[in-house]
Amino acid sequence: MQDLDFDEIVELICKEDNRFDRRAYTFTRQGLDHTVRELKKRDSERAGRSLHVTGPELLEGLRAYALDQFGPLAITVLDGWGITKCADFGDIVFSLIEYSVFSKTENDRREDFANVFEFQEAFVKPFLPKNPRPAGWPQTAALESA
């Protein structure tokens, strides 16, 4: 049997499960590469060897990668691809595992991706003003006509 390339595999996955846009799979693959690079930078012991990334580590890497790539639009882009919670990334990862794009250990589970962080907290809060409005500051700015 001929080996399928990544795009062909994603096409097959999307025919079986159309919850996520094809770009979500590409983003997840690129996000894994980003996560591995960042983990190797931080941990010199990991630098020279292959690296297994846990579900929570991957989610943190995907969060950072999304913020880097899309800034304040990250939550909007992910939502447009069908990704609205951490478990969605788990579903994408395990679909890629089923097609041998990613690998897993016997300890890896889909549940590792559940409720690691809230999307609003992860993707919206970093862009909110740091200081709350001063006391007495109007909640909405209304222009009065003269």
N, C-alpha and C. Protein backbone atom coordinates (compact mmCIF):
# COMPACT_ATOMS: atom_id res chain seq x y z
N MET A 1 0.84 -1.19 0.00
CA MET A 1 0.00 0.00 0.00
C MET A 1 0.88 1.25 0.00
N GLN A 2 0.50 2.20 -0.79
CA GLN A 2 1.25 3.44 -0.89
C GLN A 2 1.00 4.30 0.33
N ASP A 3 2.07 4.92 0.84
CA ASP A 3 1.92 5.83 1.97
C ASP A 3 1.17 7.08 1.53
N LEU A 4 0.26 7.52 2.38
CA LEU A 4 -0.50 8.73 2.10
C LEU A 4 0.25 9.92 2.67
N ASP A 5 0.16 11.06 1.99
CA ASP A 5 0.76 12.26 2.57
C ASP A 5 -0.23 12.90 3.55
N PHE A 6 0.23 13.88 4.27
CA PHE A 6 -0.57 14.49 5.33
C PHE A 6 -1.90 15.00 4.81
N ASP A 7 -1.90 15.71 3.70
CA ASP A 7 -3.14 16.26 3.15
C ASP A 7 -4.15 15.18 2.80
N GLU A 8 -3.67 14.07 2.28
CA GLU A 8 -4.56 12.95 1.95
C GLU A 8 -5.15 12.32 3.21
N ILE A 9 -4.34 12.23 4.24
CA ILE A 9 -4.82 11.69 5.51
C ILE A 9 -5.88 12.61 6.10
N VAL A 10 -5.63 13.90 6.09
CA VAL A 10 -6.61 14.85 6.62
C VAL A 10 -7.90 14.77 5.82
N GLU A 11 -7.80 14.60 4.53
CA GLU A 11 -9.00 14.46 3.71
C GLU A 11 -9.81 13.24 4.14
N LEU A 12 -9.14 12.13 4.39
CA LEU A 12 -9.83 10.92 4.86
C LEU A 12 -10.48 11.14 6.22
N ILE A 13 -9.75 11.78 7.12
CA ILE A 13 -10.28 12.05 8.47
C ILE A 13 -11.53 12.93 8.36
N CYS A 14 -11.45 13.96 7.55
CA CYS A 14 -12.58 14.90 7.42
C CYS A 14 -13.80 14.25 6.78
N LYS A 15 -13.60 13.23 5.95
CA LYS A 15 -14.73 12.49 5.39
C LYS A 15 -15.43 11.67 6.48
N GLU A 16 -14.63 11.14 7.43
CA GLU A 16 -15.17 10.34 8.52
C GLU A 16 -15.79 11.21 9.62
N ASP A 17 -15.17 12.37 9.86
CA ASP A 17 -15.58 13.24 10.96
C ASP A 17 -15.39 14.68 10.50
N ASN A 18 -16.49 15.33 10.18
CA ASN A 18 -16.39 16.68 9.60
C ASN A 18 -16.54 17.80 10.63
N ARG A 19 -16.32 17.51 11.90
CA ARG A 19 -16.46 18.55 12.93
C ARG A 19 -15.42 19.65 12.80
N PHE A 20 -14.24 19.32 12.29
CA PHE A 20 -13.14 20.27 12.28
C PHE A 20 -12.70 20.57 10.86
N ASP A 21 -12.37 21.82 10.63
CA ASP A 21 -11.84 22.26 9.34
C ASP A 21 -10.47 21.60 9.13
N ARG A 22 -10.13 21.41 7.88
CA ARG A 22 -8.82 20.82 7.55
C ARG A 22 -7.66 21.63 8.16
N ARG A 23 -7.83 22.93 8.20
CA ARG A 23 -6.77 23.79 8.74
C ARG A 23 -6.50 23.51 10.21
N ALA A 24 -7.48 22.97 10.93
CA ALA A 24 -7.28 22.63 12.34
C ALA A 24 -6.24 21.52 12.48
N TYR A 25 -6.22 20.59 11.55
CA TYR A 25 -5.24 19.50 11.58
C TYR A 25 -3.85 20.00 11.25
N THR A 26 -3.76 20.87 10.26
CA THR A 26 -2.46 21.46 9.91
C THR A 26 -1.94 22.30 11.06
N PHE A 27 -2.81 23.10 11.66
CA PHE A 27 -2.41 23.91 12.80
C PHE A 27 -1.91 23.03 13.95
N THR A 28 -2.61 21.94 14.22
CA THR A 28 -2.21 21.05 15.32
C THR A 28 -0.85 20.42 15.03
N ARG A 29 -0.63 20.03 13.80
CA ARG A 29 0.68 19.46 13.44
C ARG A 29 1.78 20.50 13.60
N GLN A 30 1.55 21.70 13.10
CA GLN A 30 2.54 22.77 13.24
C GLN A 30 2.72 23.15 14.71
N GLY A 31 1.61 23.14 15.46
CA GLY A 31 1.68 23.45 16.88
C GLY A 31 2.48 22.42 17.66
N LEU A 32 2.39 21.16 17.26
CA LEU A 32 3.22 20.13 17.90
C LEU A 32 4.69 20.41 17.63
N ASP A 33 5.04 20.73 16.40
CA ASP A 33 6.43 21.06 16.07
C ASP A 33 6.91 22.25 16.91
N HIS A 34 6.07 23.26 17.02
CA HIS A 34 6.39 24.45 17.82
C HIS A 34 6.61 24.05 19.29
N THR A 35 5.73 23.21 19.81
CA THR A 35 5.81 22.79 21.21
C THR A 35 7.10 22.02 21.47
N VAL A 36 7.44 21.11 20.59
CA VAL A 36 8.68 20.33 20.75
C VAL A 36 9.89 21.26 20.76
N ARG A 37 9.93 22.21 19.82
CA ARG A 37 11.06 23.16 19.79
C ARG A 37 11.16 23.95 21.09
N GLU A 38 10.02 24.43 21.58
CA GLU A 38 10.03 25.23 22.81
C GLU A 38 10.44 24.39 24.03
N LEU A 39 9.96 23.16 24.11
CA LEU A 39 10.33 22.30 25.22
C LEU A 39 11.82 21.96 25.19
N LYS A 40 12.35 21.74 24.01
CA LYS A 40 13.79 21.46 23.89
C LYS A 40 14.64 22.67 24.26
N LYS A 41 14.15 23.87 23.94
CA LYS A 41 14.87 25.10 24.33
C LYS A 41 14.95 25.23 25.84
N ARG A 42 13.84 24.91 26.51
CA ARG A 42 13.76 25.07 27.96
C ARG A 42 14.46 23.96 28.72
N ASP A 43 14.59 22.80 28.12
CA ASP A 43 15.15 21.65 28.84
C ASP A 43 16.29 21.07 28.03
N SER A 44 17.51 21.41 28.42
CA SER A 44 18.68 20.98 27.66
C SER A 44 18.83 19.46 27.62
N GLU A 45 18.29 18.75 28.62
CA GLU A 45 18.37 17.29 28.61
C GLU A 45 17.55 16.69 27.47
N ARG A 46 16.50 17.39 27.03
CA ARG A 46 15.64 16.90 25.96
C ARG A 46 16.18 17.27 24.58
N ALA A 47 17.14 18.18 24.53
CA ALA A 47 17.56 18.79 23.27
C ALA A 47 18.07 17.80 22.24
N GLY A 48 18.80 16.78 22.64
CA GLY A 48 19.42 15.91 21.66
C GLY A 48 18.65 14.65 21.34
N ARG A 49 17.47 14.48 21.85
CA ARG A 49 16.75 13.22 21.61
C ARG A 49 15.31 13.48 21.23
N SER A 50 14.67 12.41 20.80
CA SER A 50 13.26 12.54 20.44
C SER A 50 12.47 12.83 21.71
N LEU A 51 11.36 13.48 21.55
CA LEU A 51 10.63 13.99 22.70
C LEU A 51 9.18 13.57 22.64
N HIS A 52 8.70 13.02 23.73
CA HIS A 52 7.27 12.75 23.84
C HIS A 52 6.63 13.93 24.55
N VAL A 53 5.54 14.40 24.01
CA VAL A 53 4.82 15.54 24.56
C VAL A 53 3.51 15.03 25.16
N THR A 54 3.24 15.40 26.40
CA THR A 54 1.98 15.00 27.02
C THR A 54 0.83 15.85 26.50
N GLY A 55 -0.38 15.41 26.75
CA GLY A 55 -1.56 16.18 26.34
C GLY A 55 -1.54 17.60 26.88
N PRO A 56 -1.36 17.77 28.20
CA PRO A 56 -1.32 19.14 28.74
C PRO A 56 -0.16 19.98 28.19
N GLU A 57 1.00 19.37 27.96
CA GLU A 57 2.11 20.11 27.36
C GLU A 57 1.75 20.56 25.95
N LEU A 58 1.14 19.67 25.18
CA LEU A 58 0.75 20.04 23.83
C LEU A 58 -0.30 21.14 23.84
N LEU A 59 -1.27 21.04 24.73
CA LEU A 59 -2.28 22.10 24.82
C LEU A 59 -1.66 23.45 25.15
N GLU A 60 -0.72 23.46 26.06
CA GLU A 60 -0.06 24.72 26.40
C GLU A 60 0.71 25.24 25.19
N GLY A 61 1.37 24.35 24.47
CA GLY A 61 2.09 24.75 23.26
C GLY A 61 1.15 25.26 22.18
N LEU A 62 0.00 24.59 22.01
CA LEU A 62 -0.98 25.03 21.02
C LEU A 62 -1.56 26.39 21.40
N ARG A 63 -1.77 26.61 22.70
CA ARG A 63 -2.27 27.90 23.17
C ARG A 63 -1.27 29.00 22.81
N ALA A 64 -0.01 28.77 23.15
CA ALA A 64 1.03 29.77 22.87
C ALA A 64 1.18 30.00 21.36
N TYR A 65 1.13 28.93 20.60
CA TYR A 65 1.27 29.03 19.15
C TYR A 65 0.09 29.79 18.53
N ALA A 66 -1.11 29.53 19.00
CA ALA A 66 -2.29 30.25 18.50
C ALA A 66 -2.19 31.74 18.81
N LEU A 67 -1.78 32.06 20.04
CA LEU A 67 -1.64 33.47 20.40
C LEU A 67 -0.57 34.14 19.56
N ASP A 68 0.51 33.43 19.29
CA ASP A 68 1.59 33.97 18.47
C ASP A 68 1.14 34.17 17.02
N GLN A 69 0.43 33.20 16.48
CA GLN A 69 0.02 33.26 15.08
C GLN A 69 -1.15 34.20 14.82
N PHE A 70 -2.11 34.23 15.76
CA PHE A 70 -3.36 34.93 15.50
C PHE A 70 -3.67 36.07 16.46
N GLY A 71 -2.89 36.24 17.51
CA GLY A 71 -3.11 37.31 18.47
C GLY A 71 -4.52 37.30 19.02
N PRO A 72 -5.15 38.46 19.12
CA PRO A 72 -6.49 38.53 19.70
C PRO A 72 -7.56 37.82 18.87
N LEU A 73 -7.23 37.42 17.65
CA LEU A 73 -8.20 36.69 16.83
C LEU A 73 -8.11 35.17 17.03
N ALA A 74 -7.23 34.71 17.89
CA ALA A 74 -7.01 33.27 18.07
C ALA A 74 -8.31 32.53 18.36
N ILE A 75 -9.09 33.01 19.31
CA ILE A 75 -10.32 32.30 19.66
C ILE A 75 -11.31 32.29 18.50
N THR A 76 -11.33 33.35 17.72
CA THR A 76 -12.22 33.44 16.55
C THR A 76 -11.78 32.46 15.47
N VAL A 77 -10.49 32.40 15.21
CA VAL A 77 -9.97 31.47 14.19
C VAL A 77 -10.25 30.03 14.60
N LEU A 78 -9.92 29.69 15.85
CA LEU A 78 -10.14 28.32 16.32
C LEU A 78 -11.62 27.95 16.25
N ASP A 79 -12.47 28.87 16.68
CA ASP A 79 -13.92 28.63 16.62
C ASP A 79 -14.37 28.40 15.17
N GLY A 80 -13.83 29.15 14.26
CA GLY A 80 -14.17 28.98 12.84
C GLY A 80 -13.76 27.62 12.30
N TRP A 81 -12.78 27.01 12.93
CA TRP A 81 -12.32 25.68 12.53
C TRP A 81 -13.06 24.58 13.30
N GLY A 82 -13.95 24.97 14.23
CA GLY A 82 -14.70 23.98 15.01
C GLY A 82 -14.06 23.65 16.34
N ILE A 83 -13.01 24.34 16.70
CA ILE A 83 -12.31 24.07 17.97
C ILE A 83 -12.79 25.07 19.01
N THR A 84 -13.51 24.58 20.02
CA THR A 84 -14.06 25.47 21.04
C THR A 84 -13.66 25.09 22.46
N LYS A 85 -12.95 23.97 22.59
CA LYS A 85 -12.52 23.52 23.92
C LYS A 85 -11.29 22.63 23.78
N CYS A 86 -10.60 22.41 24.87
CA CYS A 86 -9.38 21.61 24.86
C CYS A 86 -9.62 20.21 24.31
N ALA A 87 -10.73 19.61 24.68
CA ALA A 87 -11.03 18.24 24.24
C ALA A 87 -11.09 18.14 22.72
N ASP A 88 -11.42 19.22 22.03
CA ASP A 88 -11.44 19.20 20.56
C ASP A 88 -10.03 18.93 20.02
N PHE A 89 -9.03 19.54 20.64
CA PHE A 89 -7.65 19.25 20.23
C PHE A 89 -7.33 17.78 20.48
N GLY A 90 -7.82 17.22 21.58
CA GLY A 90 -7.62 15.81 21.84
C GLY A 90 -8.22 14.93 20.76
N ASP A 91 -9.41 15.30 20.29
CA ASP A 91 -10.04 14.54 19.21
C ASP A 91 -9.21 14.61 17.93
N ILE A 92 -8.67 15.78 17.64
CA ILE A 92 -7.83 15.95 16.46
C ILE A 92 -6.56 15.11 16.60
N VAL A 93 -5.92 15.20 17.75
CA VAL A 93 -4.69 14.45 17.99
C VAL A 93 -4.93 12.96 17.85
N PHE A 94 -6.00 12.45 18.45
CA PHE A 94 -6.24 11.01 18.40
C PHE A 94 -6.67 10.56 17.01
N SER A 95 -7.28 11.42 16.22
CA SER A 95 -7.54 11.08 14.82
C SER A 95 -6.22 10.95 14.06
N LEU A 96 -5.29 11.84 14.33
CA LEU A 96 -3.98 11.76 13.68
C LEU A 96 -3.19 10.55 14.17
N ILE A 97 -3.39 10.16 15.41
CA ILE A 97 -2.75 8.95 15.93
C ILE A 97 -3.29 7.72 15.21
N GLU A 98 -4.61 7.68 14.99
CA GLU A 98 -5.22 6.53 14.30
C GLU A 98 -4.63 6.33 12.91
N TYR A 99 -4.20 7.41 12.27
CA TYR A 99 -3.61 7.32 10.94
C TYR A 99 -2.08 7.34 10.99
N SER A 100 -1.51 7.13 12.16
CA SER A 100 -0.06 7.04 12.37
C SER A 100 0.71 8.30 11.99
N VAL A 101 0.02 9.44 12.02
CA VAL A 101 0.71 10.71 11.81
C VAL A 101 1.42 11.09 13.11
N PHE A 102 0.73 10.94 14.22
CA PHE A 102 1.30 11.13 15.55
C PHE A 102 1.40 9.75 16.20
N SER A 103 2.22 9.67 17.24
CA SER A 103 2.31 8.42 18.00
C SER A 103 1.92 8.71 19.44
N LYS A 104 1.69 7.64 20.19
CA LYS A 104 1.33 7.80 21.59
C LYS A 104 1.98 6.70 22.40
N THR A 105 2.02 6.92 23.71
CA THR A 105 2.47 5.88 24.63
C THR A 105 1.25 5.22 25.23
N GLU A 106 1.47 4.16 25.98
CA GLU A 106 0.35 3.47 26.62
C GLU A 106 -0.31 4.34 27.69
N ASN A 107 0.36 5.38 28.13
CA ASN A 107 -0.19 6.27 29.15
C ASN A 107 -1.03 7.41 28.58
N ASP A 108 -0.96 7.64 27.28
CA ASP A 108 -1.68 8.75 26.66
C ASP A 108 -3.15 8.39 26.48
N ARG A 109 -4.01 9.34 26.87
CA ARG A 109 -5.45 9.12 26.75
C ARG A 109 -6.11 10.38 26.21
N ARG A 110 -7.21 10.20 25.57
CA ARG A 110 -8.00 11.33 25.07
C ARG A 110 -8.38 12.26 26.23
N GLU A 111 -8.64 11.69 27.38
CA GLU A 111 -9.06 12.47 28.55
C GLU A 111 -7.97 13.43 29.03
N ASP A 112 -6.72 13.19 28.63
CA ASP A 112 -5.62 14.09 29.01
C ASP A 112 -5.84 15.51 28.47
N PHE A 113 -6.71 15.62 27.48
CA PHE A 113 -6.97 16.91 26.84
C PHE A 113 -8.21 17.62 27.39
N ALA A 114 -8.89 16.99 28.31
CA ALA A 114 -10.16 17.54 28.80
C ALA A 114 -9.91 18.60 29.87
N ASN A 115 -10.53 19.75 29.69
CA ASN A 115 -10.60 20.80 30.71
C ASN A 115 -9.25 21.24 31.26
N VAL A 116 -8.25 21.32 30.41
CA VAL A 116 -6.94 21.80 30.87
C VAL A 116 -6.96 23.30 31.09
N PHE A 117 -7.66 24.02 30.21
CA PHE A 117 -7.89 25.46 30.41
C PHE A 117 -9.19 25.84 29.73
N GLU A 118 -9.72 26.97 30.12
CA GLU A 118 -10.92 27.53 29.49
C GLU A 118 -10.49 28.43 28.34
N PHE A 119 -11.13 28.33 27.21
CA PHE A 119 -10.74 29.10 26.04
C PHE A 119 -10.83 30.61 26.28
N GLN A 120 -11.88 31.08 26.95
CA GLN A 120 -11.99 32.52 27.22
C GLN A 120 -10.79 33.00 28.03
N GLU A 121 -10.44 32.24 29.03
CA GLU A 121 -9.31 32.60 29.89
C GLU A 121 -7.99 32.57 29.10
N ALA A 122 -7.83 31.58 28.26
CA ALA A 122 -6.57 31.38 27.54
C ALA A 122 -6.39 32.32 26.35
N PHE A 123 -7.48 32.63 25.65
CA PHE A 123 -7.35 33.36 24.40
C PHE A 123 -7.91 34.78 24.40
N VAL A 124 -8.74 35.11 25.37
CA VAL A 124 -9.32 36.45 25.44
C VAL A 124 -8.64 37.27 26.53
N LYS A 125 -8.50 36.69 27.70
CA LYS A 125 -7.96 37.43 28.85
C LYS A 125 -6.60 38.09 28.59
N PRO A 126 -5.68 37.44 27.84
CA PRO A 126 -4.38 38.10 27.60
C PRO A 126 -4.49 39.45 26.90
N PHE A 127 -5.63 39.72 26.26
CA PHE A 127 -5.78 40.96 25.50
C PHE A 127 -6.68 41.98 26.19
N LEU A 128 -7.20 41.62 27.35
CA LEU A 128 -8.03 42.56 28.11
C LEU A 128 -7.13 43.56 28.83
N PRO A 129 -7.63 44.76 29.08
CA PRO A 129 -6.82 45.74 29.83
C PRO A 129 -6.42 45.18 31.19
N LYS A 130 -5.21 45.47 31.59
CA LYS A 130 -4.69 44.96 32.87
C LYS A 130 -5.35 45.64 34.07
N ASN A 131 -5.63 46.93 33.94
CA ASN A 131 -6.20 47.67 35.06
C ASN A 131 -7.70 47.86 34.86
N PRO A 132 -8.48 47.56 35.87
CA PRO A 132 -9.92 47.81 35.74
C PRO A 132 -10.17 49.32 35.67
N ARG A 133 -11.34 49.68 35.22
CA ARG A 133 -11.69 51.10 35.14
C ARG A 133 -11.71 51.70 36.54
N PRO A 134 -11.28 52.95 36.66
CA PRO A 134 -11.32 53.60 37.97
C PRO A 134 -12.76 53.74 38.47
N ALA A 135 -12.91 53.80 39.78
CA ALA A 135 -14.23 53.97 40.38
C ALA A 135 -14.88 55.23 39.80
N GLY A 136 -16.13 55.11 39.45
CA GLY A 136 -16.86 56.24 38.92
C GLY A 136 -16.72 56.41 37.42
N TRP A 137 -15.85 55.63 36.79
CA TRP A 137 -15.67 55.70 35.34
C TRP A 137 -16.90 55.11 34.68
N PRO A 138 -17.46 55.79 33.69
CA PRO A 138 -18.70 55.26 33.07
C PRO A 138 -18.44 53.92 32.38
N GLN A 139 -19.40 53.02 32.48
CA GLN A 139 -19.27 51.70 31.85
C GLN A 139 -19.37 51.78 30.34
N THR A 140 -20.18 52.71 29.83
CA THR A 140 -20.27 52.90 28.39
C THR A 140 -20.09 54.38 28.11
N ALA A 141 -19.48 54.64 27.00
CA ALA A 141 -19.29 56.03 26.62
C ALA A 141 -20.47 56.46 25.76
N ALA A 142 -21.23 57.39 26.25
CA ALA A 142 -22.39 57.87 25.49
C ALA A 142 -22.15 59.33 25.13
N LEU A 143 -22.36 59.63 23.88
CA LEU A 143 -22.23 60.99 23.43
C LEU A 143 -23.60 61.66 23.53
N GLU A 144 -23.59 62.81 24.13
CA GLU A 144 -24.85 63.54 24.22
C GLU A 144 -24.86 64.60 23.13
N SER A 145 -26.02 64.77 22.54
CA SER A 145 -26.13 65.80 21.51
C SER A 145 -26.32 67.15 22.20
N ALA A 146 -25.79 68.16 21.61
CA ALA A 146 -25.85 69.49 22.21
C ALA A 146 -27.16 70.15 22.01
